[in-house]
C-alpha atoms as a PDB file:
ATOM      1  CA  MET A   1     146.972  14.708 -20.732  1.00  0.00           C
ATOM      2  CA  LYS A   2     145.179  11.440 -20.775  1.00  0.00           C
ATOM      3  CA  ASN A   3     144.331  11.751 -17.196  1.00  0.00           C
ATOM      4  CA  LEU A   4     142.794  15.223 -17.835  1.00  0.00           C
ATOM      5  CA  LYS A   5     140.838  13.837 -20.767  1.00  0.00           C
ATOM      6  CA  PHE A   6     139.434  10.838 -18.627  1.00  0.00           C
ATOM      7  CA  TRP A   7     138.509  13.238 -15.589  1.00  0.00           C
ATOM      8  CA  LEU A   8     136.778  15.800 -18.115  1.00  0.00           C
ATOM      9  CA  THR A   9     134.792  12.860 -19.733  1.00  0.00           C
ATOM     10  CA  THR A  10     133.920  11.383 -16.196  1.00  0.00           C
ATOM     11  CA  LEU A  11     132.790  14.772 -15.076  1.00  0.00           C
ATOM     12  CA  CYS A  12     130.684  15.282 -18.290  1.00  0.00           C
ATOM     13  CA  LEU A  13     129.024  11.932 -17.841  1.00  0.00           C
ATOM     14  CA  VAL A  14     128.126  12.731 -14.147  1.00  0.00           C
ATOM     15  CA  ALA A  15     126.598  15.929 -15.225  1.00  0.00           C
ATOM     16  CA  ILE A  16     124.353  14.451 -17.815  1.00  0.00           C
ATOM     17  CA  ILE A  17     123.264  11.771 -15.502  1.00  0.00           C
ATOM     18  CA  SER A  18     122.362  14.386 -12.984  1.00  0.00           C
ATOM     19  CA  VAL A  19     120.447  16.272 -15.412  1.00  0.00           C
ATOM     20  CA  GLU A  20     118.486  13.364 -16.595  1.00  0.00           C
ATOM     21  CA  ALA A  21     117.661  12.308 -12.942  1.00  0.00           C
ATOM     22  CA  GLN A  22     116.356  15.928 -12.390  1.00  0.00           C
ATOM     23  CA  GLU A  23     114.374  15.812 -15.428  1.00  0.00           C
ATOM     24  CA  LYS A  24     112.627  12.298 -14.697  1.00  0.00           C
ATOM     25  CA  LYS A  25     108.853  12.928 -13.951  1.00  0.00           C
ATOM     26  CA  LYS A  26     106.086  10.999 -12.713  1.00  0.00           C
ATOM     27  CA  PHE A  27     102.634  10.568 -14.222  1.00  0.00           C
ATOM     28  CA  LYS A  28      99.411   9.396 -13.409  1.00  0.00           C
ATOM     29  CA  VAL A  29      97.769   7.384 -16.285  1.00  0.00           C
ATOM     30  CA  HIS A  30      93.996   6.327 -16.806  1.00  0.00           C
ATOM     31  CA  THR A  31      92.033   4.780 -19.439  1.00  0.00           C
ATOM     32  CA  VAL A  32      88.899   6.160 -21.003  1.00  0.00           C
ATOM     33  CA  GLY A  33      87.172   3.704 -23.223  1.00  0.00           C
ATOM     34  CA  PHE A  34      84.203   2.926 -25.292  1.00  0.00           C
ATOM     35  CA  TYR A  35      82.804  -0.432 -26.360  1.00  0.00           C
ATOM     36  CA  ASN A  36      79.801  -1.643 -28.394  1.00  0.00           C
ATOM     37  CA  LEU A  37      78.578  -4.836 -26.504  1.00  0.00           C
ATOM     38  CA  GLU A  38      76.693  -6.170 -29.461  1.00  0.00           C
ATOM     39  CA  ASN A  39      73.082  -7.065 -28.408  1.00  0.00           C
ATOM     40  CA  LEU A  40      73.863  -7.671 -24.565  1.00  0.00           C
ATOM     41  CA  PHE A  41      70.281  -8.532 -23.894  1.00  0.00           C
ATOM     42  CA  ASP A  42      68.763 -10.581 -20.762  1.00  0.00           C
ATOM     43  CA  THR A  43      66.460 -13.741 -21.197  1.00  0.00           C
ATOM     44  CA  ILE A  44      63.450 -12.014 -19.811  1.00  0.00           C
ATOM     45  CA  ASN A  45      60.677 -10.906 -22.217  1.00  0.00           C
ATOM     46  CA  ASP A  46      59.730  -7.279 -21.490  1.00  0.00           C
ATOM     47  CA  PRO A  47      56.372  -6.872 -23.024  1.00  0.00           C
ATOM     48  CA  THR A  48      57.014  -2.988 -23.428  1.00  0.00           C
ATOM     49  CA  LYS A  49      59.941  -3.686 -25.689  1.00  0.00           C
ATOM     50  CA  PHE A  50      60.840  -5.672 -28.806  1.00  0.00           C
ATOM     51  CA  ASP A  51      63.523  -7.640 -27.022  1.00  0.00           C
ATOM     52  CA  GLU A  52      62.059 -10.957 -28.368  1.00  0.00           C
ATOM     53  CA  ARG A  53      63.867  -9.998 -31.485  1.00  0.00           C
ATOM     54  CA  SER A  54      67.401  -9.990 -29.677  1.00  0.00           C
ATOM     55  CA  PRO A  55      69.831 -12.856 -30.767  1.00  0.00           C
ATOM     56  CA  ILE A  56      69.359 -14.512 -27.106  1.00  0.00           C
ATOM     57  CA  MET A  57      65.807 -14.387 -27.062  1.00  0.00           C
ATOM     58  CA  GLU A  58      65.519 -15.913 -30.459  1.00  0.00           C
ATOM     59  CA  MET A  59      67.582 -19.031 -29.593  1.00  0.00           C
ATOM     60  CA  LYS A  60      65.388 -22.007 -29.028  1.00  0.00           C
ATOM     61  CA  THR A  61      67.590 -23.641 -26.170  1.00  0.00           C
ATOM     62  CA  LYS A  62      70.234 -22.540 -23.579  1.00  0.00           C
ATOM     63  CA  GLN A  63      69.206 -19.073 -23.478  1.00  0.00           C
ATOM     64  CA  TYR A  64      70.440 -18.480 -19.953  1.00  0.00           C
ATOM     65  CA  GLU A  65      73.601 -20.177 -20.307  1.00  0.00           C
ATOM     66  CA  THR A  66      74.382 -18.064 -23.372  1.00  0.00           C
ATOM     67  CA  TYR A  67      73.580 -14.748 -21.508  1.00  0.00           C
ATOM     68  CA  GLN A  68      76.088 -15.836 -18.677  1.00  0.00           C
ATOM     69  CA  LYS A  69      78.825 -16.656 -20.993  1.00  0.00           C
ATOM     70  CA  LYS A  70      78.116 -13.348 -23.013  1.00  0.00           C
ATOM     71  CA  VAL A  71      78.211 -11.324 -19.500  1.00  0.00           C
ATOM     72  CA  VAL A  72      81.656 -13.117 -18.881  1.00  0.00           C
ATOM     73  CA  ASN A  73      83.155 -12.237 -22.113  1.00  0.00           C
ATOM     74  CA  MET A  74      82.189  -8.655 -21.971  1.00  0.00           C
ATOM     75  CA  ALA A  75      83.513  -8.145 -18.274  1.00  0.00           C
ATOM     76  CA  LYS A  76      86.712  -9.917 -19.638  1.00  0.00           C
ATOM     77  CA  VAL A  77      87.398  -7.494 -22.339  1.00  0.00           C
ATOM     78  CA  ILE A  78      86.390  -4.247 -20.275  1.00  0.00           C
ATOM     79  CA  SER A  79      88.852  -5.394 -17.572  1.00  0.00           C
ATOM     80  CA  GLU A  80      91.748  -5.712 -19.978  1.00  0.00           C
ATOM     81  CA  VAL A  81      91.474  -2.531 -21.929  1.00  0.00           C
ATOM     82  CA  GLY A  82      94.487  -0.370 -21.208  1.00  0.00           C
ATOM     83  CA  LYS A  83      95.557  -2.552 -18.543  1.00  0.00           C
ATOM     84  CA  GLU A  84      98.977  -3.269 -19.825  1.00  0.00           C
ATOM     85  CA  VAL A  85     100.003   0.362 -19.448  1.00  0.00           C
ATOM     86  CA  THR A  86      97.829   1.527 -16.320  1.00  0.00           C
ATOM     87  CA  ASN A  87      97.685  -1.812 -14.624  1.00  0.00           C
ATOM     88  CA  ASN A  88      94.170  -1.050 -14.177  1.00  0.00           C
ATOM     89  CA  ALA A  89      90.894  -1.480 -16.081  1.00  0.00           C
ATOM     90  CA  PRO A  90      89.646   1.716 -17.507  1.00  0.00           C
ATOM     91  CA  VAL A  91      88.278   4.298 -15.157  1.00  0.00           C
ATOM     92  CA  ILE A  92      85.784   5.196 -17.606  1.00  0.00           C
ATOM     93  CA  MET A  93      84.044   2.954 -20.202  1.00  0.00           C
ATOM     94  CA  GLY A  94      81.132   4.214 -22.504  1.00  0.00           C
ATOM     95  CA  VAL A  95      78.994   1.304 -23.860  1.00  0.00           C
ATOM     96  CA  CYS A  96      76.259   0.925 -26.309  1.00  0.00           C
ATOM     97  CA  GLU A  97      73.909  -2.036 -27.516  1.00  0.00           C
ATOM     98  CA  VAL A  98      72.671  -2.756 -23.913  1.00  0.00           C
ATOM     99  CA  GLU A  99      69.050  -3.771 -23.095  1.00  0.00           C
ATOM    100  CA  ASN A 100      68.909  -2.131 -19.413  1.00  0.00           C
ATOM    101  CA  ARG A 101      70.668  -1.258 -16.263  1.00  0.00           C
ATOM    102  CA  GLU A 102      70.297  -5.017 -15.071  1.00  0.00           C
ATOM    103  CA  VAL A 103      72.575  -6.241 -17.706  1.00  0.00           C
ATOM    104  CA  LEU A 104      75.352  -3.868 -16.888  1.00  0.00           C
ATOM    105  CA  GLU A 105      74.881  -4.679 -13.157  1.00  0.00           C
ATOM    106  CA  ASP A 106      75.725  -8.249 -14.129  1.00  0.00           C
ATOM    107  CA  VAL A 107      78.629  -7.251 -16.141  1.00  0.00           C
ATOM    108  CA  VAL A 108      80.234  -5.022 -13.495  1.00  0.00           C
ATOM    109  CA  ASN A 109      79.586  -7.695 -10.665  1.00  0.00           C
ATOM    110  CA  ASP A 110      81.417 -10.473 -12.577  1.00  0.00           C
ATOM    111  CA  PRO A 111      84.589 -11.655 -10.898  1.00  0.00           C
ATOM    112  CA  SER A 112      86.671  -9.871 -13.680  1.00  0.00           C
ATOM    113  CA  LEU A 113      85.268  -6.278 -12.729  1.00  0.00           C
ATOM    114  CA  ILE A 114      83.676  -6.530  -9.276  1.00  0.00           C
ATOM    115  CA  ASN A 115      86.743  -5.525  -7.337  1.00  0.00           C
ATOM    116  CA  TYR A 116      87.084  -2.273  -9.470  1.00  0.00           C
ATOM    117  CA  ASP A 117      83.663  -1.168  -7.820  1.00  0.00           C
ATOM    118  CA  TYR A 118      81.998   0.262 -11.176  1.00  0.00           C
ATOM    119  CA  GLY A 119      79.099   2.729 -10.826  1.00  0.00           C
ATOM    120  CA  ILE A 120      76.698   2.942 -13.711  1.00  0.00           C
ATOM    121  CA  VAL A 121      74.803   5.698 -15.499  1.00  0.00           C
ATOM    122  CA  HIS A 122      71.844   4.673 -17.592  1.00  0.00           C
ATOM    123  CA  TYR A 123      68.725   5.964 -19.104  1.00  0.00           C
ATOM    124  CA  ASN A 124      66.198   3.897 -20.937  1.00  0.00           C
ATOM    125  CA  SER A 125      65.646   5.344 -24.422  1.00  0.00           C
ATOM    126  CA  PRO A 126      63.058   5.053 -26.817  1.00  0.00           C
ATOM    127  CA  ASP A 127      65.085   2.959 -29.312  1.00  0.00           C
ATOM    128  CA  LEU A 128      63.038   0.553 -31.348  1.00  0.00           C
ATOM    129  CA  ARG A 129      65.326  -2.229 -30.860  1.00  0.00           C
ATOM    130  CA  SER A 130      65.479  -1.472 -27.058  1.00  0.00           C
ATOM    131  CA  ILE A 131      69.331  -0.691 -26.921  1.00  0.00           C
ATOM    132  CA  ASP A 132      70.550   2.004 -25.012  1.00  0.00           C
ATOM    133  CA  VAL A 133      73.896   3.632 -24.183  1.00  0.00           C
ATOM    134  CA  ALA A 134      75.537   4.016 -20.822  1.00  0.00           C
ATOM    135  CA  LEU A 135      78.727   5.055 -18.793  1.00  0.00           C
ATOM    136  CA  LEU A 136      80.579   2.874 -16.459  1.00  0.00           C
ATOM    137  CA  TYR A 137      83.026   4.460 -13.788  1.00  0.00           C
ATOM    138  CA  GLN A 138      85.321   3.510 -11.305  1.00  0.00           C
ATOM    139  CA  LYS A 139      83.819   5.074  -8.094  1.00  0.00           C
ATOM    140  CA  LYS A 140      87.350   5.466  -6.671  1.00  0.00           C
ATOM    141  CA  PHE A 141      88.411   7.873  -9.271  1.00  0.00           C
ATOM    142  CA  PHE A 142      85.282   9.500 -10.706  1.00  0.00           C
ATOM    143  CA  THR A 143      82.414  11.250  -9.046  1.00  0.00           C
ATOM    144  CA  PRO A 144      79.484  12.100 -11.293  1.00  0.00           C
ATOM    145  CA  LEU A 145      78.020  15.742 -10.417  1.00  0.00           C
ATOM    146  CA  SER A 146      75.222  15.733 -13.145  1.00  0.00           C
ATOM    147  CA  THR A 147      73.716  13.410 -15.838  1.00  0.00           C
ATOM    148  CA  SER A 148      71.132  13.819 -18.500  1.00  0.00           C
ATOM    149  CA  ASN A 149      69.880  12.071 -21.570  1.00  0.00           C
ATOM    150  CA  HIS A 150      69.061  13.913 -24.760  1.00  0.00           C
ATOM    151  CA  GLU A 151      66.583  12.861 -27.361  1.00  0.00           C
ATOM    152  CA  LEU A 152      67.476  12.416 -30.952  1.00  0.00           C
ATOM    153  CA  LYS A 153      64.369  13.506 -32.923  1.00  0.00           C
ATOM    154  CA  ILE A 154      64.520  12.292 -36.446  1.00  0.00           C
ATOM    155  CA  TYR A 155      61.641  11.429 -38.854  1.00  0.00           C
ATOM    156  CA  ASP A 156      61.108   9.237 -41.971  1.00  0.00           C
ATOM    157  CA  ASP A 157      61.729  11.053 -45.286  1.00  0.00           C
ATOM    158  CA  THR A 158      58.244   9.541 -46.739  1.00  0.00           C
ATOM    159  CA  SER A 159      55.839   9.140 -43.876  1.00  0.00           C
ATOM    160  CA  ARG A 160      57.332  11.766 -41.607  1.00  0.00           C
ATOM    161  CA  LYS A 161      56.666   9.538 -38.831  1.00  0.00           C
ATOM    162  CA  ARG A 162      59.427   9.803 -36.068  1.00  0.00           C
ATOM    163  CA  ILE A 163      62.073   7.287 -36.041  1.00  0.00           C
ATOM    164  CA  TYR A 164      62.939   6.190 -32.422  1.00  0.00           C
ATOM    165  CA  THR A 165      66.373   5.743 -31.923  1.00  0.00           C
ATOM    166  CA  ARG A 166      69.057   6.076 -29.063  1.00  0.00           C
ATOM    167  CA  ASP A 167      69.281   8.980 -26.805  1.00  0.00           C
ATOM    168  CA  GLN A 168      72.795  10.621 -26.283  1.00  0.00           C
ATOM    169  CA  LEU A 169      74.112  10.664 -22.675  1.00  0.00           C
ATOM    170  CA  LEU A 170      75.844  13.500 -20.990  1.00  0.00           C
ATOM    171  CA  VAL A 171      77.778  12.863 -17.680  1.00  0.00           C
ATOM    172  CA  SER A 172      79.949  15.500 -15.881  1.00  0.00           C
ATOM    173  CA  GLY A 173      81.790  14.923 -12.863  1.00  0.00           C
ATOM    174  CA  LYS A 174      85.193  15.039 -11.031  1.00  0.00           C
ATOM    175  CA  LEU A 175      87.829  12.915 -12.253  1.00  0.00           C
ATOM    176  CA  ASP A 176      90.798  12.840  -9.539  1.00  0.00           C
ATOM    177  CA  GLY A 177      89.345  16.209  -8.548  1.00  0.00           C
ATOM    178  CA  GLU A 178      89.318  17.628 -12.205  1.00  0.00           C
ATOM    179  CA  MET A 179      85.992  18.428 -13.909  1.00  0.00           C
ATOM    180  CA  VAL A 180      85.395  16.446 -17.060  1.00  0.00           C
ATOM    181  CA  HIS A 181      82.577  15.743 -19.205  1.00  0.00           C
ATOM    182  CA  PHE A 182      81.514  12.724 -21.349  1.00  0.00           C
ATOM    183  CA  ILE A 183      78.915  12.617 -24.217  1.00  0.00           C
ATOM    184  CA  VAL A 184      78.139   8.952 -25.017  1.00  0.00           C
ATOM    185  CA  ASN A 185      76.695   8.034 -28.451  1.00  0.00           C
ATOM    186  CA  HIS A 186      75.371   5.464 -30.562  1.00  0.00           C
ATOM    187  CA  TRP A 187      74.172   7.077 -33.817  1.00  0.00           C
ATOM    188  CA  PRO A 188      71.528   5.747 -36.412  1.00  0.00           C
ATOM    189  CA  SER A 189      72.739   2.754 -38.312  1.00  0.00           C
ATOM    190  CA  ARG A 190      73.314   2.683 -42.326  1.00  0.00           C
ATOM    191  CA  SER A 191      70.347   0.684 -42.858  1.00  0.00           C
ATOM    192  CA  GLY A 192      68.882   1.348 -46.212  1.00  0.00           C
ATOM    193  CA  GLY A 193      72.535   2.402 -47.400  1.00  0.00           C
ATOM    194  CA  GLU A 194      75.125   5.046 -46.390  1.00  0.00           C
ATOM    195  CA  ALA A 195      73.719   7.876 -48.528  1.00  0.00           C
ATOM    196  CA  LYS A 196      70.036   7.394 -47.673  1.00  0.00           C
ATOM    197  CA  SER A 197      70.587   7.094 -44.073  1.00  0.00           C
ATOM    198  CA  ARG A 198      73.354   9.926 -43.957  1.00  0.00           C
ATOM    199  CA  PRO A 199      70.849  12.816 -42.689  1.00  0.00           C
ATOM    200  CA  LYS A 200      69.975  10.599 -39.673  1.00  0.00           C
ATOM    201  CA  ARG A 201      73.704  10.769 -38.407  1.00  0.00           C
ATOM    202  CA  VAL A 202      74.099  14.326 -39.524  1.00  0.00           C
ATOM    203  CA  ALA A 203      71.285  15.003 -37.270  1.00  0.00           C
ATOM    204  CA  ALA A 204      72.936  12.950 -34.501  1.00  0.00           C
ATOM    205  CA  ALA A 205      76.132  15.051 -35.003  1.00  0.00           C
ATOM    206  CA  ARG A 206      74.104  18.322 -34.832  1.00  0.00           C
ATOM    207  CA  LEU A 207      72.711  17.028 -31.394  1.00  0.00           C
ATOM    208  CA  THR A 208      76.245  16.216 -30.020  1.00  0.00           C
ATOM    209  CA  LYS A 209      77.310  19.787 -31.273  1.00  0.00           C
ATOM    210  CA  SER A 210      74.359  21.448 -29.380  1.00  0.00           C
ATOM    211  CA  ILE A 211      75.426  19.566 -26.198  1.00  0.00           C
ATOM    212  CA  LEU A 212      79.095  20.525 -26.616  1.00  0.00           C
ATOM    213  CA  ASP A 213      78.018  24.161 -27.342  1.00  0.00           C
ATOM    214  CA  SER A 214      76.031  24.273 -24.050  1.00  0.00           C
ATOM    215  CA  LEU A 215      78.931  22.954 -22.068  1.00  0.00           C
ATOM    216  CA  GLN A 216      81.307  25.482 -23.720  1.00  0.00           C
ATOM    217  CA  SER A 217      79.071  28.368 -23.417  1.00  0.00           C
ATOM    218  CA  ILE A 218      79.431  27.945 -19.580  1.00  0.00           C
ATOM    219  CA  ASP A 219      83.098  27.050 -19.625  1.00  0.00           C
ATOM    220  CA  PRO A 220      84.989  27.408 -22.984  1.00  0.00           C
ATOM    221  CA  TYR A 221      87.993  25.387 -21.338  1.00  0.00           C
ATOM    222  CA  ALA A 222      85.644  22.423 -20.711  1.00  0.00           C
ATOM    223  CA  LYS A 223      87.312  19.094 -20.987  1.00  0.00           C
ATOM    224  CA  VAL A 224      85.143  16.889 -23.149  1.00  0.00           C
ATOM    225  CA  PHE A 225      85.186  13.464 -24.558  1.00  0.00           C
ATOM    226  CA  ILE A 226      82.790  12.554 -27.298  1.00  0.00           C
ATOM    227  CA  MET A 227      82.881   8.784 -27.642  1.00  0.00           C
ATOM    228  CA  GLY A 228      80.652   6.343 -29.276  1.00  0.00           C
ATOM    229  CA  ASP A 229      79.923   4.049 -32.156  1.00  0.00           C
ATOM    230  CA  LEU A 230      78.947   6.639 -34.735  1.00  0.00           C
ATOM    231  CA  ASN A 231      78.166   4.499 -37.509  1.00  0.00           C
ATOM    232  CA  ASP A 232      80.379   6.870 -39.727  1.00  0.00           C
ATOM    233  CA  ASN A 233      83.963   7.045 -40.099  1.00  0.00           C
ATOM    234  CA  PRO A 234      86.177   9.646 -39.037  1.00  0.00           C
ATOM    235  CA  THR A 235      86.276  11.200 -42.548  1.00  0.00           C
ATOM    236  CA  ASN A 236      82.505  11.533 -42.964  1.00  0.00           C
ATOM    237  CA  ALA A 237      80.612  14.941 -43.153  1.00  0.00           C
ATOM    238  CA  SER A 238      78.981  14.341 -39.438  1.00  0.00           C
ATOM    239  CA  VAL A 239      82.469  14.362 -38.043  1.00  0.00           C
ATOM    240  CA  LEU A 240      84.586  16.769 -40.192  1.00  0.00           C
ATOM    241  CA  ASP A 241      81.529  19.195 -41.023  1.00  0.00           C
ATOM    242  CA  VAL A 242      79.264  19.127 -38.112  1.00  0.00           C
ATOM    243  CA  LEU A 243      81.649  18.603 -35.325  1.00  0.00           C
ATOM    244  CA  LYS A 244      84.411  20.183 -37.248  1.00  0.00           C
ATOM    245  CA  ALA A 245      86.865  17.480 -35.840  1.00  0.00           C
ATOM    246  CA  LYS A 246      90.556  18.169 -36.642  1.00  0.00           C
ATOM    247  CA  ASN A 247      93.440  15.374 -37.094  1.00  0.00           C
ATOM    248  CA  LYS A 248      96.374  17.837 -36.262  1.00  0.00           C
ATOM    249  CA  LYS A 249      96.386  19.350 -32.724  1.00  0.00           C
ATOM    250  CA  HIS A 250      97.896  22.550 -33.826  1.00  0.00           C
ATOM    251  CA  LYS A 251      94.840  23.238 -35.977  1.00  0.00           C
ATOM    252  CA  VAL A 252      92.428  22.915 -33.000  1.00  0.00           C
ATOM    253  CA  GLY A 253      91.560  26.343 -31.483  1.00  0.00           C
ATOM    254  CA  LEU A 254      89.572  26.919 -28.374  1.00  0.00           C
ATOM    255  CA  LYS A 255      86.282  25.219 -28.299  1.00  0.00           C
ATOM    256  CA  GLY A 256      87.639  22.821 -31.080  1.00  0.00           C
ATOM    257  CA  VAL A 257      87.530  19.183 -31.431  1.00  0.00           C
ATOM    258  CA  TYR A 258      90.478  16.831 -31.920  1.00  0.00           C
ATOM    259  CA  ASN A 259      90.011  13.395 -33.585  1.00  0.00           C
ATOM    260  CA  PRO A 260      92.950  11.202 -33.120  1.00  0.00           C
ATOM    261  CA  TYR A 261      90.987   8.422 -35.226  1.00  0.00           C
ATOM    262  CA  ILE A 262      91.140  10.288 -38.341  1.00  0.00           C
ATOM    263  CA  ASP A 263      94.554   9.559 -39.224  1.00  0.00           C
ATOM    264  CA  MET A 264      94.159   6.032 -37.923  1.00  0.00           C
ATOM    265  CA  PHE A 265      91.558   5.417 -40.565  1.00  0.00           C
ATOM    266  CA  LYS A 266      92.750   7.626 -43.306  1.00  0.00           C
ATOM    267  CA  LYS A 267      96.577   7.042 -43.273  1.00  0.00           C
ATOM    268  CA  ASP A 268      96.849   3.576 -41.407  1.00  0.00           C
ATOM    269  CA  GLY A 269      93.808   1.874 -42.690  1.00  0.00           C
ATOM    270  CA  LEU A 270      92.722   0.745 -39.056  1.00  0.00           C
ATOM    271  CA  GLY A 271      89.239  -0.116 -38.175  1.00  0.00           C
ATOM    272  CA  SER A 272      87.012  -1.050 -35.299  1.00  0.00           C
ATOM    273  CA  ASN A 273      84.438  -3.277 -37.334  1.00  0.00           C
ATOM    274  CA  ALA A 274      84.281  -4.754 -40.811  1.00  0.00           C
ATOM    275  CA  TYR A 275      81.584  -5.639 -43.224  1.00  0.00           C
ATOM    276  CA  ARG A 276      81.957  -7.207 -46.773  1.00  0.00           C
ATOM    277  CA  ASP A 277      85.758  -7.082 -46.630  1.00  0.00           C
ATOM    278  CA  ALA A 278      85.990  -3.355 -45.930  1.00  0.00           C
ATOM    279  CA  TRP A 279      87.092  -1.945 -42.437  1.00  0.00           C
ATOM    280  CA  SER A 280      85.167   0.882 -40.887  1.00  0.00           C
ATOM    281  CA  LEU A 281      86.177   2.957 -37.803  1.00  0.00           C
ATOM    282  CA  PHE A 282      82.821   3.705 -36.384  1.00  0.00           C
ATOM    283  CA  ASP A 283      83.921   3.809 -32.789  1.00  0.00           C
ATOM    284  CA  GLN A 284      85.697   6.953 -31.785  1.00  0.00           C
ATOM    285  CA  ILE A 285      86.871   9.048 -28.873  1.00  0.00           C
ATOM    286  CA  MET A 286      87.440  12.714 -29.633  1.00  0.00           C
ATOM    287  CA  VAL A 287      88.426  15.502 -27.198  1.00  0.00           C
ATOM    288  CA  THR A 288      88.128  19.186 -26.751  1.00  0.00           C
ATOM    289  CA  GLN A 289      91.275  21.554 -27.061  1.00  0.00           C
ATOM    290  CA  PRO A 290      92.275  21.670 -23.316  1.00  0.00           C
ATOM    291  CA  LEU A 291      92.789  18.053 -23.388  1.00  0.00           C
ATOM    292  CA  ILE A 292      95.701  18.452 -25.956  1.00  0.00           C
ATOM    293  CA  GLU A 293      97.479  21.196 -24.504  1.00  0.00           C
ATOM    294  CA  LYS A 294     101.331  20.739 -24.202  1.00  0.00           C
ATOM    295  CA  ASP A 295     101.854  20.743 -20.317  1.00  0.00           C
ATOM    296  CA  TYR A 296     100.721  17.971 -18.306  1.00  0.00           C
ATOM    297  CA  SER A 297      99.785  19.916 -15.019  1.00  0.00           C
ATOM    298  CA  SER A 298      96.199  18.360 -15.411  1.00  0.00           C
ATOM    299  CA  PHE A 299      94.690  15.586 -17.545  1.00  0.00           C
ATOM    300  CA  ARG A 300      95.844  15.557 -21.156  1.00  0.00           C
ATOM    301  CA  LEU A 301      95.365  13.021 -24.005  1.00  0.00           C
ATOM    302  CA  TYR A 302      98.491  10.969 -24.307  1.00  0.00           C
ATOM    303  CA  LYS A 303      97.650   8.339 -26.745  1.00  0.00           C
ATOM    304  CA  ALA A 304      94.589   6.825 -28.664  1.00  0.00           C
ATOM    305  CA  GLY A 305      94.280   3.374 -29.684  1.00  0.00           C
ATOM    306  CA  ILE A 306      92.010   0.343 -30.942  1.00  0.00           C
ATOM    307  CA  PHE A 307      91.985  -2.685 -28.464  1.00  0.00           C
ATOM    308  CA  ASN A 308      92.181  -5.481 -30.995  1.00  0.00           C
ATOM    309  CA  LYS A 309      93.881  -8.298 -29.196  1.00  0.00           C
ATOM    310  CA  GLN A 310      93.999 -11.506 -31.150  1.00  0.00           C
ATOM    311  CA  TYR A 311      91.577 -13.086 -28.991  1.00  0.00           C
ATOM    312  CA  LEU A 312      88.998 -10.726 -30.146  1.00  0.00           C
ATOM    313  CA  VAL A 313      89.849 -11.778 -33.770  1.00  0.00           C
ATOM    314  CA  ASN A 314      88.332 -14.482 -35.755  1.00  0.00           C
ATOM    315  CA  LYS A 315      90.669 -17.096 -36.782  1.00  0.00           C
ATOM    316  CA  HIS A 316      88.613 -19.221 -39.502  1.00  0.00           C
ATOM    317  CA  GLY A 317      85.832 -19.160 -41.947  1.00  0.00           C
ATOM    318  CA  ARG A 318      84.473 -16.426 -44.196  1.00  0.00           C
ATOM    319  CA  TYR A 319      84.993 -13.848 -41.381  1.00  0.00           C
ATOM    320  CA  LYS A 320      88.610 -14.448 -40.802  1.00  0.00           C
ATOM    321  CA  GLY A 321      90.251 -11.337 -39.628  1.00  0.00           C
ATOM    322  CA  TYR A 322      87.056  -9.645 -38.453  1.00  0.00           C
ATOM    323  CA  PRO A 323      86.142  -9.010 -34.815  1.00  0.00           C
ATOM    324  CA  LYS A 324      85.101 -12.421 -33.326  1.00  0.00           C
ATOM    325  CA  ARG A 325      81.286 -11.434 -32.806  1.00  0.00           C
ATOM    326  CA  SER A 326      79.014 -13.022 -30.271  1.00  0.00           C
ATOM    327  CA  PHE A 327      76.167 -14.105 -32.503  1.00  0.00           C
ATOM    328  CA  ALA A 328      76.232 -15.562 -36.093  1.00  0.00           C
ATOM    329  CA  ASP A 329      74.217 -17.752 -38.306  1.00  0.00           C
ATOM    330  CA  GLY A 330      71.506 -17.851 -35.631  1.00  0.00           C
ATOM    331  CA  GLY A 331      73.657 -19.029 -32.778  1.00  0.00           C
ATOM    332  CA  PHE A 332      75.974 -18.024 -30.165  1.00  0.00           C
ATOM    333  CA  THR A 333      79.797 -18.406 -31.042  1.00  0.00           C
ATOM    334  CA  ASP A 334      81.162 -17.844 -27.850  1.00  0.00           C
ATOM    335  CA  GLY A 335      82.667 -14.630 -29.349  1.00  0.00           C
ATOM    336  CA  TYR A 336      82.693 -11.083 -27.928  1.00  0.00           C
ATOM    337  CA  SER A 337      81.454  -8.261 -30.149  1.00  0.00           C
ATOM    338  CA  ASP A 338      81.356  -7.374 -33.829  1.00  0.00           C
ATOM    339  CA  HIS A 339      83.311  -4.193 -32.720  1.00  0.00           C
ATOM    340  CA  PHE A 340      86.715  -3.715 -31.148  1.00  0.00           C
ATOM    341  CA  PRO A 341      86.826  -1.305 -28.155  1.00  0.00           C
ATOM    342  CA  VAL A 342      88.600   2.009 -28.499  1.00  0.00           C
ATOM    343  CA  TYR A 343      90.739   3.943 -25.873  1.00  0.00           C
ATOM    344  CA  ASN A 344      92.424   6.902 -24.859  1.00  0.00           C
ATOM    345  CA  TYR A 345      95.194   7.060 -22.335  1.00  0.00           C
ATOM    346  CA  ILE A 346      95.067  10.304 -20.467  1.00  0.00           C
ATOM    347  CA  ILE A 347      97.875  11.452 -18.143  1.00  0.00           C
ATOM    348  CA  LYS A 348      98.938  14.001 -15.743  1.00  0.00           C
ATOM    349  CA  GLU A 349     102.075  14.825 -13.976  1.00  0.00           C
ATOM    350  CA  VAL A 350     102.178  14.123 -10.202  1.00  0.00           C
ATOM    351  CA  SER A 351     104.493  15.255  -7.603  1.00  0.00           C
ATOM    352  CA  GLU A 352     107.065  13.082  -5.862  1.00  0.00           C
END
């Protein structure tokens, strides 16, 4: 009887192991990220811009040395976002607070990134501070098929003069053969206070929604990533009421938007930037419904996160615990940015 029990137990274990072996699946994993590069300006005075007001241009000495170190720091961070899971730098990285294409070329040609062979999508925008958004992509994995910039036209409440701010960037293309779209944002700041400046971000959200609607009118199943420094939290009206982003996947219908950063901020208290001892989560990456379906026959969102490694955190002084920014008190700190990067892992099942 004991021998019978032994063999039955052995047969059961073999069956379980066999089933588990059959159920093992392989997945391709990519990182899609976004990073505010905090005043990435060069040292050349462009007479058509107000770039002389940048932190680097305001420095009395060592401008070029500072710029070189800033570039190295930005490249280092970008190279490491998501790498512990994918063993690769991000295949897509949206960025903001860059002066021009040339500074991005310096970043992607830094030794930390040059072997990834990044392409750049960038347009000069009319922003008064001369800062733009852009998209970096690994040419091996992503092929842009169309790109466009979209003006945000907002006006001062009193003078009715136009306020020149960042354009929004749309890039559509094939990621490992799949059509995907990226809307890159840097919405108007909270200068003058959150309430007073709120209509500007609501207007920015409406422009984003208009771009999204245009994509979905052509293809309701369009896979769209909405990323950026929104200068609003995931719980603000611009995100919840205009974009109608949801924090639960089952509540997202066709043409809907899922925002994994709502619960990170609301429940977990996490942030990507800090001000006056309060954390905000201005940096977000949202996705449309086809990216959250349950099967993995094509790319789906697997996980979202904030890249807040310890070397990016200030260890001392009044800003202890904040992101270790590049510039403070009129000088260069050898830091990185006043924002942490954010990222999505996307996965797809692959055959043996």
